[in-house]
PDB file of N, CA and C in Angstrom:
ATOM      1  N   ASP A   1      25.518  20.287  -0.690  1.00  0.00           N
ATOM      2  CA  ASP A   1      25.676  21.684  -0.958  1.00  0.00           C
ATOM      3  C   ASP A   1      27.496  21.680  -0.696  1.00  0.00           C
ATOM      4  N   GLU A   2      28.125  22.452  -1.571  1.00  0.00           N
ATOM      5  CA  GLU A   2      29.713  22.500  -1.353  1.00  0.00           C
ATOM      6  C   GLU A   2      29.855  22.573  -0.007  1.00  0.00           C
ATOM      7  N   LYS A   3      29.392  23.698   0.604  1.00  0.00           N
ATOM      8  CA  LYS A   3      29.807  24.099   2.066  1.00  0.00           C
ATOM      9  C   LYS A   3      29.203  23.140   3.080  1.00  0.00           C
ATOM     10  N   ASP A   4      28.735  22.180   2.979  1.00  0.00           N
ATOM     11  CA  ASP A   4      28.629  20.964   3.768  1.00  0.00           C
ATOM     12  C   ASP A   4      30.042  20.315   4.194  1.00  0.00           C
ATOM     13  N   GLU A   5      30.203  20.408   5.438  1.00  0.00           N
ATOM     14  CA  GLU A   5      31.185  19.105   6.040  1.00  0.00           C
ATOM     15  C   GLU A   5      31.202  17.577   5.052  1.00  0.00           C
ATOM     16  N   PRO A   6      32.056  17.531   5.166  1.00  0.00           N
ATOM     17  CA  PRO A   6      32.642  15.899   4.805  1.00  0.00           C
ATOM     18  C   PRO A   6      32.585  15.218   6.176  1.00  0.00           C
ATOM     19  N   PHE A   7      31.502  13.857   6.246  1.00  0.00           N
ATOM     20  CA  PHE A   7      31.487  12.943   7.275  1.00  0.00           C
ATOM     21  C   PHE A   7      31.403  11.568   6.899  1.00  0.00           C
ATOM     22  N   VAL A   8      31.932  10.489   7.875  1.00  0.00           N
ATOM     23  CA  VAL A   8      31.858   9.194   7.507  1.00  0.00           C
ATOM     24  C   VAL A   8      30.713   8.545   8.206  1.00  0.00           C
ATOM     25  N   LEU A   9      29.869   7.718   7.528  1.00  0.00           N
ATOM     26  CA  LEU A   9      28.838   7.223   8.428  1.00  0.00           C
ATOM     27  C   LEU A   9      29.231   5.759   9.400  1.00  0.00           C
ATOM     28  N   GLU A  10      28.459   5.976  10.315  1.00  0.00           N
ATOM     29  CA  GLU A  10      29.214   4.698  11.598  1.00  0.00           C
ATOM     30  C   GLU A  10      28.837   3.492  10.498  1.00  0.00           C
ATOM     31  N   LYS A  11      29.447   2.441  11.045  1.00  0.00           N
ATOM     32  CA  LYS A  11      28.982   0.952  11.004  1.00  0.00           C
ATOM     33  C   LYS A  11      27.613   0.681  11.118  1.00  0.00           C
ATOM     34  N   ASP A  12      27.284  -0.015  10.002  1.00  0.00           N
ATOM     35  CA  ASP A  12      25.441  -0.432  10.180  1.00  0.00           C
ATOM     36  C   ASP A  12      24.557   1.013  10.028  1.00  0.00           C
ATOM     37  N   GLN A  13      24.949   1.972   8.863  1.00  0.00           N
ATOM     38  CA  GLN A  13      24.012   3.226   8.816  1.00  0.00           C
ATOM     39  C   GLN A  13      24.296   3.111   7.671  1.00  0.00           C
ATOM     40  N   CYS A  14      23.122   3.951   6.886  1.00  0.00           N
ATOM     41  CA  CYS A  14      22.963   3.915   5.597  1.00  0.00           C
ATOM     42  C   CYS A  14      22.613   5.511   5.067  1.00  0.00           C
ATOM     43  N   TRP A  15      23.145   5.794   4.131  1.00  0.00           N
ATOM     44  CA  TRP A  15      22.514   7.487   3.682  1.00  0.00           C
ATOM     45  C   TRP A  15      21.754   7.477   2.709  1.00  0.00           C
ATOM     46  N   VAL A  16      20.647   7.517   2.579  1.00  0.00           N
ATOM     47  CA  VAL A  16      19.511   7.553   1.683  1.00  0.00           C
ATOM     48  C   VAL A  16      18.983   8.672   0.818  1.00  0.00           C
ATOM     49  N   LEU A  17      18.726   8.734  -0.349  1.00  0.00           N
ATOM     50  CA  LEU A  17      18.502   9.981  -1.042  1.00  0.00           C
ATOM     51  C   LEU A  17      17.490   9.633  -1.847  1.00  0.00           C
ATOM     52  N   ALA A  18      16.466  10.609  -1.980  1.00  0.00           N
ATOM     53  CA  ALA A  18      15.218  10.801  -2.602  1.00  0.00           C
ATOM     54  C   ALA A  18      15.613  10.950  -4.161  1.00  0.00           C
ATOM     55  N   ASP A  19      15.284   9.976  -5.078  1.00  0.00           N
ATOM     56  CA  ASP A  19      15.479  10.009  -6.677  1.00  0.00           C
ATOM     57  C   ASP A  19      14.321  10.375  -7.364  1.00  0.00           C
ATOM     58  N   ASN A  20      13.482  11.334  -6.606  1.00  0.00           N
ATOM     59  CA  ASN A  20      12.796  12.367  -7.341  1.00  0.00           C
ATOM     60  C   ASN A  20      13.046  13.412  -7.808  1.00  0.00           C
ATOM     61  N   GLU A  21      12.975  13.384  -9.182  1.00  0.00           N
ATOM     62  CA  GLU A  21      13.982  14.666  -9.698  1.00  0.00           C
ATOM     63  C   GLU A  21      13.180  15.950  -9.585  1.00  0.00           C
ATOM     64  N   LYS A  22      11.926  15.871  -9.413  1.00  0.00           N
ATOM     65  CA  LYS A  22      10.995  17.174  -9.695  1.00  0.00           C
ATOM     66  C   LYS A  22      11.473  17.834  -8.301  1.00  0.00           C
ATOM     67  N   LEU A  23      11.516  17.520  -7.131  1.00  0.00           N
ATOM     68  CA  LEU A  23      11.786  17.571  -5.620  1.00  0.00           C
ATOM     69  C   LEU A  23      12.899  18.483  -5.349  1.00  0.00           C
ATOM     70  N   LYS A  24      12.946  19.486  -4.954  1.00  0.00           N
ATOM     71  CA  LYS A  24      14.446  19.888  -4.518  1.00  0.00           C
ATOM     72  C   LYS A  24      15.119  19.425  -3.563  1.00  0.00           C
ATOM     73  N   PRO A  25      16.339  19.603  -3.261  1.00  0.00           N
ATOM     74  CA  PRO A  25      16.971  18.974  -1.906  1.00  0.00           C
ATOM     75  C   PRO A  25      16.160  19.291  -0.579  1.00  0.00           C
ATOM     76  N   LYS A  26      15.730  20.275  -0.609  1.00  0.00           N
ATOM     77  CA  LYS A  26      15.178  20.777   0.517  1.00  0.00           C
ATOM     78  C   LYS A  26      13.821  20.277   1.105  1.00  0.00           C
ATOM     79  N   GLU A  27      13.491  20.128  -0.075  1.00  0.00           N
ATOM     80  CA  GLU A  27      11.587  19.189  -0.107  1.00  0.00           C
ATOM     81  C   GLU A  27      11.714  17.601  -0.060  1.00  0.00           C
ATOM     82  N   ALA A  28      12.895  17.187  -0.207  1.00  0.00           N
ATOM     83  CA  ALA A  28      12.990  15.688  -0.445  1.00  0.00           C
ATOM     84  C   ALA A  28      12.955  15.228   1.044  1.00  0.00           C
ATOM     85  N   LYS A  29      12.604  13.878   1.930  1.00  0.00           N
ATOM     86  CA  LYS A  29      12.333  13.776   2.823  1.00  0.00           C
ATOM     87  C   LYS A  29      13.115  12.382   2.874  1.00  0.00           C
ATOM     88  N   ASP A  30      14.711  12.720   3.164  1.00  0.00           N
ATOM     89  CA  ASP A  30      15.464  11.895   3.243  1.00  0.00           C
ATOM     90  C   ASP A  30      16.486  11.974   3.852  1.00  0.00           C
ATOM     91  N   SER A  31      17.949  11.433   3.891  1.00  0.00           N
ATOM     92  CA  SER A  31      18.869  11.588   5.181  1.00  0.00           C
ATOM     93  C   SER A  31      19.699  13.451   5.203  1.00  0.00           C
ATOM     94  N   ARG A  32      19.530  13.987   4.211  1.00  0.00           N
ATOM     95  CA  ARG A  32      19.672  14.881   4.406  1.00  0.00           C
ATOM     96  C   ARG A  32      18.425  15.866   5.299  1.00  0.00           C
ATOM     97  N   LEU A  33      17.580  15.597   5.471  1.00  0.00           N
ATOM     98  CA  LEU A  33      16.191  16.131   6.383  1.00  0.00           C
ATOM     99  C   LEU A  33      16.712  15.159   7.847  1.00  0.00           C
ATOM    100  N   PHE A  34      16.849  13.822   7.937  1.00  0.00           N
ATOM    101  CA  PHE A  34      16.651  13.183   9.169  1.00  0.00           C
ATOM    102  C   PHE A  34      17.956  12.132   9.620  1.00  0.00           C
ATOM    103  N   GLY A  35      18.882  12.789   8.544  1.00  0.00           N
ATOM    104  CA  GLY A  35      20.520  11.904   9.190  1.00  0.00           C
ATOM    105  C   GLY A  35      20.531  10.825   8.491  1.00  0.00           C
ATOM    106  N   PRO A  36      21.375   9.612   9.149  1.00  0.00           N
ATOM    107  CA  PRO A  36      21.986   8.488   8.783  1.00  0.00           C
ATOM    108  C   PRO A  36      20.498   7.745   9.115  1.00  0.00           C
ATOM    109  N   VAL A  37      20.289   6.556   8.580  1.00  0.00           N
ATOM    110  CA  VAL A  37      19.607   5.499   8.741  1.00  0.00           C
ATOM    111  C   VAL A  37      20.404   4.189   9.060  1.00  0.00           C
ATOM    112  N   PRO A  38      19.587   3.852  10.188  1.00  0.00           N
ATOM    113  CA  PRO A  38      20.056   2.549  10.591  1.00  0.00           C
ATOM    114  C   PRO A  38      19.795   1.397  10.138  1.00  0.00           C
ATOM    115  N   MET A  39      20.810   0.309   9.570  1.00  0.00           N
ATOM    116  CA  MET A  39      20.423  -0.811   8.562  1.00  0.00           C
ATOM    117  C   MET A  39      19.388  -1.467   9.051  1.00  0.00           C
ATOM    118  N   THR A  40      19.235  -1.667  10.308  1.00  0.00           N
ATOM    119  CA  THR A  40      17.996  -2.510  10.871  1.00  0.00           C
ATOM    120  C   THR A  40      16.731  -1.109  10.583  1.00  0.00           C
ATOM    121  N   GLY A  41      16.680  -0.124   9.931  1.00  0.00           N
ATOM    122  CA  GLY A  41      15.205   0.458   9.507  1.00  0.00           C
ATOM    123  C   GLY A  41      15.204   0.164   8.321  1.00  0.00           C
ATOM    124  N   ILE A  42      15.824  -0.527   7.274  1.00  0.00           N
ATOM    125  CA  ILE A  42      15.881  -0.303   5.941  1.00  0.00           C
ATOM    126  C   ILE A  42      15.138  -1.619   5.775  1.00  0.00           C
ATOM    127  N   VAL A  43      14.035  -1.848   5.146  1.00  0.00           N
ATOM    128  CA  VAL A  43      13.089  -3.109   4.861  1.00  0.00           C
ATOM    129  C   VAL A  43      13.076  -3.064   3.085  1.00  0.00           C
ATOM    130  N   GLY A  44      13.715  -4.071   2.488  1.00  0.00           N
ATOM    131  CA  GLY A  44      13.830  -4.497   1.077  1.00  0.00           C
ATOM    132  C   GLY A  44      14.994  -5.359   0.542  1.00  0.00           C
ATOM    133  N   ARG A  45      15.257  -4.670  -0.444  1.00  0.00           N
ATOM    134  CA  ARG A  45      16.596  -5.863  -0.838  1.00  0.00           C
ATOM    135  C   ARG A  45      17.190  -4.919  -2.038  1.00  0.00           C
ATOM    136  N   VAL A  46      18.321  -5.197  -2.436  1.00  0.00           N
ATOM    137  CA  VAL A  46      19.100  -4.681  -3.468  1.00  0.00           C
ATOM    138  C   VAL A  46      18.614  -5.488  -4.958  1.00  0.00           C
ATOM    139  N   ILE A  47      18.301  -4.957  -5.843  1.00  0.00           N
ATOM    140  CA  ILE A  47      18.127  -5.109  -6.801  1.00  0.00           C
ATOM    141  C   ILE A  47      18.826  -5.113  -8.065  1.00  0.00           C
ATOM    142  N   TYR A  48      19.721  -4.102  -8.246  1.00  0.00           N
ATOM    143  CA  TYR A  48      20.699  -3.642  -9.433  1.00  0.00           C
ATOM    144  C   TYR A  48      22.278  -3.136  -8.247  1.00  0.00           C
ATOM    145  N   CYS A  49      23.386  -3.530  -8.936  1.00  0.00           N
ATOM    146  CA  CYS A  49      24.580  -3.276  -8.649  1.00  0.00           C
ATOM    147  C   CYS A  49      25.335  -2.229  -9.297  1.00  0.00           C
ATOM    148  N   LEU A  50      25.493  -1.397  -9.303  1.00  0.00           N
ATOM    149  CA  LEU A  50      26.289  -0.118 -10.264  1.00  0.00           C
ATOM    150  C   LEU A  50      27.554  -0.050  -9.265  1.00  0.00           C
ATOM    151  N   ARG A  51      28.584  -1.074  -9.948  1.00  0.00           N
ATOM    152  CA  ARG A  51      30.055  -0.661  -9.197  1.00  0.00           C
ATOM    153  C   ARG A  51      30.622   0.297 -10.240  1.00  0.00           C
ATOM    154  N   THR A  52      31.309  -0.173 -11.430  1.00  0.00           N
ATOM    155  CA  THR A  52      31.711   1.064 -12.278  1.00  0.00           C
ATOM    156  C   THR A  52      30.887   0.864 -13.671  1.00  0.00           C
ATOM    157  N   ALA A  53      31.126   2.004 -14.710  1.00  0.00           N
ATOM    158  CA  ALA A  53      30.339   1.830 -15.707  1.00  0.00           C
ATOM    159  C   ALA A  53      30.799   0.281 -16.232  1.00  0.00           C
ATOM    160  N   VAL A  54      31.418  -0.554 -16.393  1.00  0.00           N
ATOM    161  CA  VAL A  54      31.334  -1.475 -16.933  1.00  0.00           C
ATOM    162  C   VAL A  54      31.228  -2.852 -16.427  1.00  0.00           C
ATOM    163  N   ASP A  55      31.453  -2.672 -14.813  1.00  0.00           N
ATOM    164  CA  ASP A  55      30.786  -3.471 -13.851  1.00  0.00           C
ATOM    165  C   ASP A  55      29.758  -3.435 -13.052  1.00  0.00           C
ATOM    166  N   HIS A  56      28.538  -3.928 -13.907  1.00  0.00           N
ATOM    167  CA  HIS A  56      27.243  -3.404 -12.895  1.00  0.00           C
ATOM    168  C   HIS A  56      25.891  -4.955 -13.964  1.00  0.00           C
ATOM    169  N   GLY A  57      24.982  -4.735 -12.903  1.00  0.00           N
ATOM    170  CA  GLY A  57      24.181  -6.037 -13.495  1.00  0.00           C
ATOM    171  C   GLY A  57      23.211  -6.013 -12.226  1.00  0.00           C
ATOM    172  N   PRO A  58      22.039  -6.634 -12.523  1.00  0.00           N
ATOM    173  CA  PRO A  58      21.028  -7.304 -11.327  1.00  0.00           C
ATOM    174  C   PRO A  58      21.593  -8.371 -10.637  1.00  0.00           C
ATOM    175  N   VAL A  59      21.203  -8.364  -9.173  1.00  0.00           N
ATOM    176  CA  VAL A  59      21.420  -8.889  -8.168  1.00  0.00           C
ATOM    177  C   VAL A  59      20.671  -9.973  -8.133  1.00  0.00           C
ATOM    178  N   GLN A  60      21.660 -11.177  -7.920  1.00  0.00           N
ATOM    179  CA  GLN A  60      20.724 -12.770  -8.066  1.00  0.00           C
ATOM    180  C   GLN A  60      20.268 -12.509  -6.837  1.00  0.00           C
ATOM    181  N   ASN A  61      18.849 -12.277  -6.464  1.00  0.00           N
ATOM    182  CA  ASN A  61      18.034 -13.047  -5.589  1.00  0.00           C
ATOM    183  C   ASN A  61      17.296 -14.244  -5.845  1.00  0.00           C
ATOM    184  N   SER A  62      16.685 -14.403  -4.811  1.00  0.00           N
ATOM    185  CA  SER A  62      15.424 -15.862  -5.084  1.00  0.00           C
ATOM    186  C   SER A  62      14.836 -15.268  -6.405  1.00  0.00           C
ATOM    187  N   HIS A  63      14.240 -16.748  -6.683  1.00  0.00           N
ATOM    188  CA  HIS A  63      13.842 -16.778  -8.302  1.00  0.00           C
ATOM    189  C   HIS A  63      12.283 -15.947  -7.992  1.00  0.00           C
ATOM    190  N   TYR A  64      11.611 -16.142  -7.018  1.00  0.00           N
ATOM    191  CA  TYR A  64      10.736 -15.515  -6.685  1.00  0.00           C
ATOM    192  C   TYR A  64      10.844 -13.893  -6.488  1.00  0.00           C
ATOM    193  N   GLY A  65      11.735 -13.413  -5.737  1.00  0.00           N
ATOM    194  CA  GLY A  65      12.091 -12.167  -5.693  1.00  0.00           C
ATOM    195  C   GLY A  65      12.626 -11.347  -7.336  1.00  0.00           C
ATOM    196  N   MET A  66      13.442 -12.163  -7.747  1.00  0.00           N
ATOM    197  CA  MET A  66      14.060 -11.446  -9.359  1.00  0.00           C
ATOM    198  C   MET A  66      12.556 -11.775 -10.042  1.00  0.00           C
ATOM    199  N   ARG A  67      11.562 -12.426 -10.224  1.00  0.00           N
ATOM    200  CA  ARG A  67      10.377 -12.600 -11.153  1.00  0.00           C
ATOM    201  C   ARG A  67       9.634 -11.068 -10.589  1.00  0.00           C
ATOM    202  N   LYS A  68       9.693 -10.940  -9.223  1.00  0.00           N
ATOM    203  CA  LYS A  68       9.081  -9.488  -8.828  1.00  0.00           C
ATOM    204  C   LYS A  68       9.731  -8.564  -9.057  1.00  0.00           C
ATOM    205  N   ASP A  69      11.421  -8.329  -9.326  1.00  0.00           N
ATOM    206  CA  ASP A  69      12.019  -7.195  -9.470  1.00  0.00           C
ATOM    207  C   ASP A  69      11.991  -6.740 -11.163  1.00  0.00           C
ATOM    208  N   SER A  70      11.686  -7.894 -12.063  1.00  0.00           N
ATOM    209  CA  SER A  70      12.435  -7.830 -13.558  1.00  0.00           C
ATOM    210  C   SER A  70      11.205  -6.769 -13.984  1.00  0.00           C
ATOM    211  N   PRO A  71       9.647  -6.269 -13.569  1.00  0.00           N
ATOM    212  CA  PRO A  71       9.024  -5.791 -14.096  1.00  0.00           C
ATOM    213  C   PRO A  71       9.752  -4.315 -13.492  1.00  0.00           C
ATOM    214  N   VAL A  72       9.812  -3.971 -12.309  1.00  0.00           N
ATOM    215  CA  VAL A  72      10.397  -2.963 -11.759  1.00  0.00           C
ATOM    216  C   VAL A  72      12.158  -2.346 -12.814  1.00  0.00           C
ATOM    217  N   LEU A  73      12.694  -3.493 -12.621  1.00  0.00           N
ATOM    218  CA  LEU A  73      14.036  -3.158 -13.782  1.00  0.00           C
ATOM    219  C   LEU A  73      13.330  -2.663 -15.092  1.00  0.00           C
ATOM    220  N   GLU A  74      12.524  -3.397 -15.639  1.00  0.00           N
ATOM    221  CA  GLU A  74      12.496  -3.236 -16.924  1.00  0.00           C
ATOM    222  C   GLU A  74      11.745  -1.593 -17.250  1.00  0.00           C
ATOM    223  N   VAL A  75      11.200  -1.227 -16.309  1.00  0.00           N
ATOM    224  CA  VAL A  75      10.054   0.126 -16.473  1.00  0.00           C
ATOM    225  C   VAL A  75      11.092   1.365 -16.263  1.00  0.00           C
ATOM    226  N   GLU A  76      11.931   1.054 -14.752  1.00  0.00           N
ATOM    227  CA  GLU A  76      12.612   2.259 -13.911  1.00  0.00           C
ATOM    228  C   GLU A  76      14.027   2.149 -14.171  1.00  0.00           C
ATOM    229  N   LEU A  77      14.753   1.074 -14.888  1.00  0.00           N
ATOM    230  CA  LEU A  77      15.982   1.063 -14.791  1.00  0.00           C
ATOM    231  C   LEU A  77      16.693   1.735 -16.119  1.00  0.00           C
ATOM    232  N   ASP A  78      17.167   2.721 -16.182  1.00  0.00           N
ATOM    233  CA  ASP A  78      17.657   3.448 -17.479  1.00  0.00           C
ATOM    234  C   ASP A  78      19.525   3.310 -17.663  1.00  0.00           C
ATOM    235  N   VAL A  79      20.013   2.022 -17.888  1.00  0.00           N
ATOM    236  CA  VAL A  79      21.464   1.710 -17.423  1.00  0.00           C
ATOM    237  C   VAL A  79      22.351   2.902 -18.076  1.00  0.00           C
ATOM    238  N   ASP A  80      21.911   3.619 -19.526  1.00  0.00           N
ATOM    239  CA  ASP A  80      22.530   4.721 -20.201  1.00  0.00           C
ATOM    240  C   ASP A  80      23.033   5.717 -19.147  1.00  0.00           C
ATOM    241  N   ASP A  81      21.818   6.279 -18.388  1.00  0.00           N
ATOM    242  CA  ASP A  81      21.762   7.287 -18.026  1.00  0.00           C
ATOM    243  C   ASP A  81      22.702   6.778 -16.292  1.00  0.00           C
ATOM    244  N   MET A  82      22.233   5.937 -16.078  1.00  0.00           N
ATOM    245  CA  MET A  82      22.988   5.540 -14.531  1.00  0.00           C
ATOM    246  C   MET A  82      24.494   5.341 -14.719  1.00  0.00           C
ATOM    247  N   VAL A  83      24.951   4.711 -15.967  1.00  0.00           N
ATOM    248  CA  VAL A  83      26.510   4.918 -16.042  1.00  0.00           C
ATOM    249  C   VAL A  83      27.126   6.030 -16.570  1.00  0.00           C
ATOM    250  N   LYS A  84      26.499   7.063 -17.108  1.00  0.00           N
ATOM    251  CA  LYS A  84      26.925   8.459 -17.438  1.00  0.00           C
ATOM    252  C   LYS A  84      26.943   9.204 -16.370  1.00  0.00           C
ATOM    253  N   ASN A  85      26.068   8.924 -15.034  1.00  0.00           N
ATOM    254  CA  ASN A  85      26.003   9.785 -14.379  1.00  0.00           C
ATOM    255  C   ASN A  85      27.050   9.003 -12.742  1.00  0.00           C
ATOM    256  N   HIS A  86      27.515   7.816 -13.085  1.00  0.00           N
ATOM    257  CA  HIS A  86      28.133   7.254 -11.874  1.00  0.00           C
ATOM    258  C   HIS A  86      29.610   8.204 -11.790  1.00  0.00           C
ATOM    259  N   LYS A  87      29.764   8.574 -10.519  1.00  0.00           N
ATOM    260  CA  LYS A  87      30.693   8.830 -10.223  1.00  0.00           C
ATOM    261  C   LYS A  87      31.773   7.522  -9.617  1.00  0.00           C
ATOM    262  N   SER A  88      32.854   7.327 -10.045  1.00  0.00           N
ATOM    263  CA  SER A  88      33.664   6.681  -9.759  1.00  0.00           C
ATOM    264  C   SER A  88      34.525   6.910  -8.542  1.00  0.00           C
TER     265      SER A  88
END
Protein backbone atom coordinates (compact mmCIF):
# COMPACT_ATOMS: atom_id res chain seq x y z
CA ASP A 1 0.00 0.00 0.00
CA GLU A 2 1.33 3.44 -0.93
CA LYS A 3 0.51 4.70 2.59
CA ASP A 4 2.71 2.12 4.32
CA GLU A 5 5.88 3.41 5.91
CA PRO A 6 9.14 2.00 4.48
CA PHE A 7 11.24 -0.16 6.79
CA VAL A 8 14.45 -2.18 6.78
CA LEU A 9 14.59 -5.84 7.72
CA GLU A 10 16.93 -6.92 10.49
CA LYS A 11 19.89 -9.18 9.72
CA ASP A 12 18.73 -12.77 9.07
CA GLN A 13 15.10 -11.79 8.40
CA CYS A 14 13.16 -12.40 5.22
CA TRP A 15 9.95 -10.85 3.84
CA VAL A 16 7.74 -13.44 2.14
CA LEU A 17 4.86 -12.71 -0.23
CA ALA A 18 2.21 -15.06 -1.57
CA ASP A 19 2.38 -15.58 -5.33
CA ASN A 20 -1.26 -16.62 -5.79
CA GLU A 21 -2.66 -13.92 -8.06
CA LYS A 22 -6.22 -14.98 -7.20
CA LEU A 23 -5.79 -13.75 -3.63
CA LYS A 24 -6.22 -10.12 -2.64
CA PRO A 25 -3.37 -8.79 -0.45
CA LYS A 26 -5.55 -8.93 2.67
CA GLU A 27 -6.41 -12.59 1.96
CA ALA A 28 -2.81 -13.75 1.59
CA LYS A 29 -1.17 -15.36 4.58
CA ASP A 30 2.27 -13.87 4.19
CA SER A 31 4.54 -11.25 5.76
CA ARG A 32 1.91 -8.57 5.20
CA LEU A 33 -0.10 -10.45 7.85
CA PHE A 34 2.56 -11.86 10.20
CA GLY A 35 5.61 -9.68 9.53
CA PRO A 36 9.22 -10.68 8.85
CA VAL A 37 10.23 -14.34 9.01
CA PRO A 38 13.51 -15.37 10.65
CA MET A 39 15.82 -17.15 8.22
CA THR A 40 15.86 -20.11 10.62
CA GLY A 41 12.12 -20.48 9.96
CA ILE A 42 12.57 -21.03 6.23
CA VAL A 43 12.96 -24.55 4.90
CA GLY A 44 13.81 -25.00 1.25
CA ARG A 45 16.29 -23.82 -1.32
CA VAL A 46 16.59 -21.18 -4.01
CA ILE A 47 16.10 -22.69 -7.46
CA TYR A 48 16.17 -19.58 -9.68
CA CYS A 49 17.80 -16.17 -9.25
CA LEU A 50 16.82 -12.95 -11.04
CA ARG A 51 19.24 -10.07 -10.54
CA THR A 52 18.49 -8.05 -13.68
CA ALA A 53 16.66 -8.55 -16.97
CA VAL A 54 19.85 -10.03 -18.45
CA ASP A 55 21.45 -11.58 -15.34
CA HIS A 56 19.28 -14.51 -14.26
CA GLY A 57 19.22 -18.28 -14.31
CA PRO A 58 18.84 -21.50 -12.36
CA VAL A 59 20.81 -21.73 -9.12
CA GLN A 60 23.38 -24.54 -9.12
CA ASN A 61 22.35 -26.88 -6.31
CA SER A 62 23.26 -30.55 -5.85
CA HIS A 63 22.64 -32.85 -8.83
CA TYR A 64 19.84 -34.51 -6.85
CA GLY A 65 18.25 -31.15 -6.00
CA MET A 66 18.51 -29.91 -9.58
CA ARG A 67 16.84 -33.10 -10.88
CA LYS A 68 13.98 -32.53 -8.43
CA ASP A 69 13.73 -28.81 -9.29
CA SER A 70 13.85 -29.17 -13.08
CA PRO A 71 10.16 -30.16 -13.51
CA VAL A 72 9.10 -27.29 -11.22
CA LEU A 73 11.04 -24.77 -13.31
CA GLU A 74 9.62 -26.19 -16.54
CA VAL A 75 6.02 -25.78 -15.36
CA GLU A 76 6.15 -22.78 -13.03
CA LEU A 77 8.82 -20.50 -14.48
CA ASP A 78 7.76 -17.78 -16.91
CA VAL A 79 11.02 -15.92 -17.57
CA ASP A 80 9.45 -13.39 -19.94
CA ASP A 81 6.84 -12.42 -17.35
CA MET A 82 9.42 -12.34 -14.56
CA VAL A 83 11.76 -10.08 -16.53
CA LYS A 84 8.89 -7.84 -17.65
CA ASN A 85 7.74 -7.32 -14.05
CA HIS A 86 11.22 -7.09 -12.49
CA LYS A 87 11.95 -3.82 -10.75
CA SER A 88 15.67 -3.03 -10.76
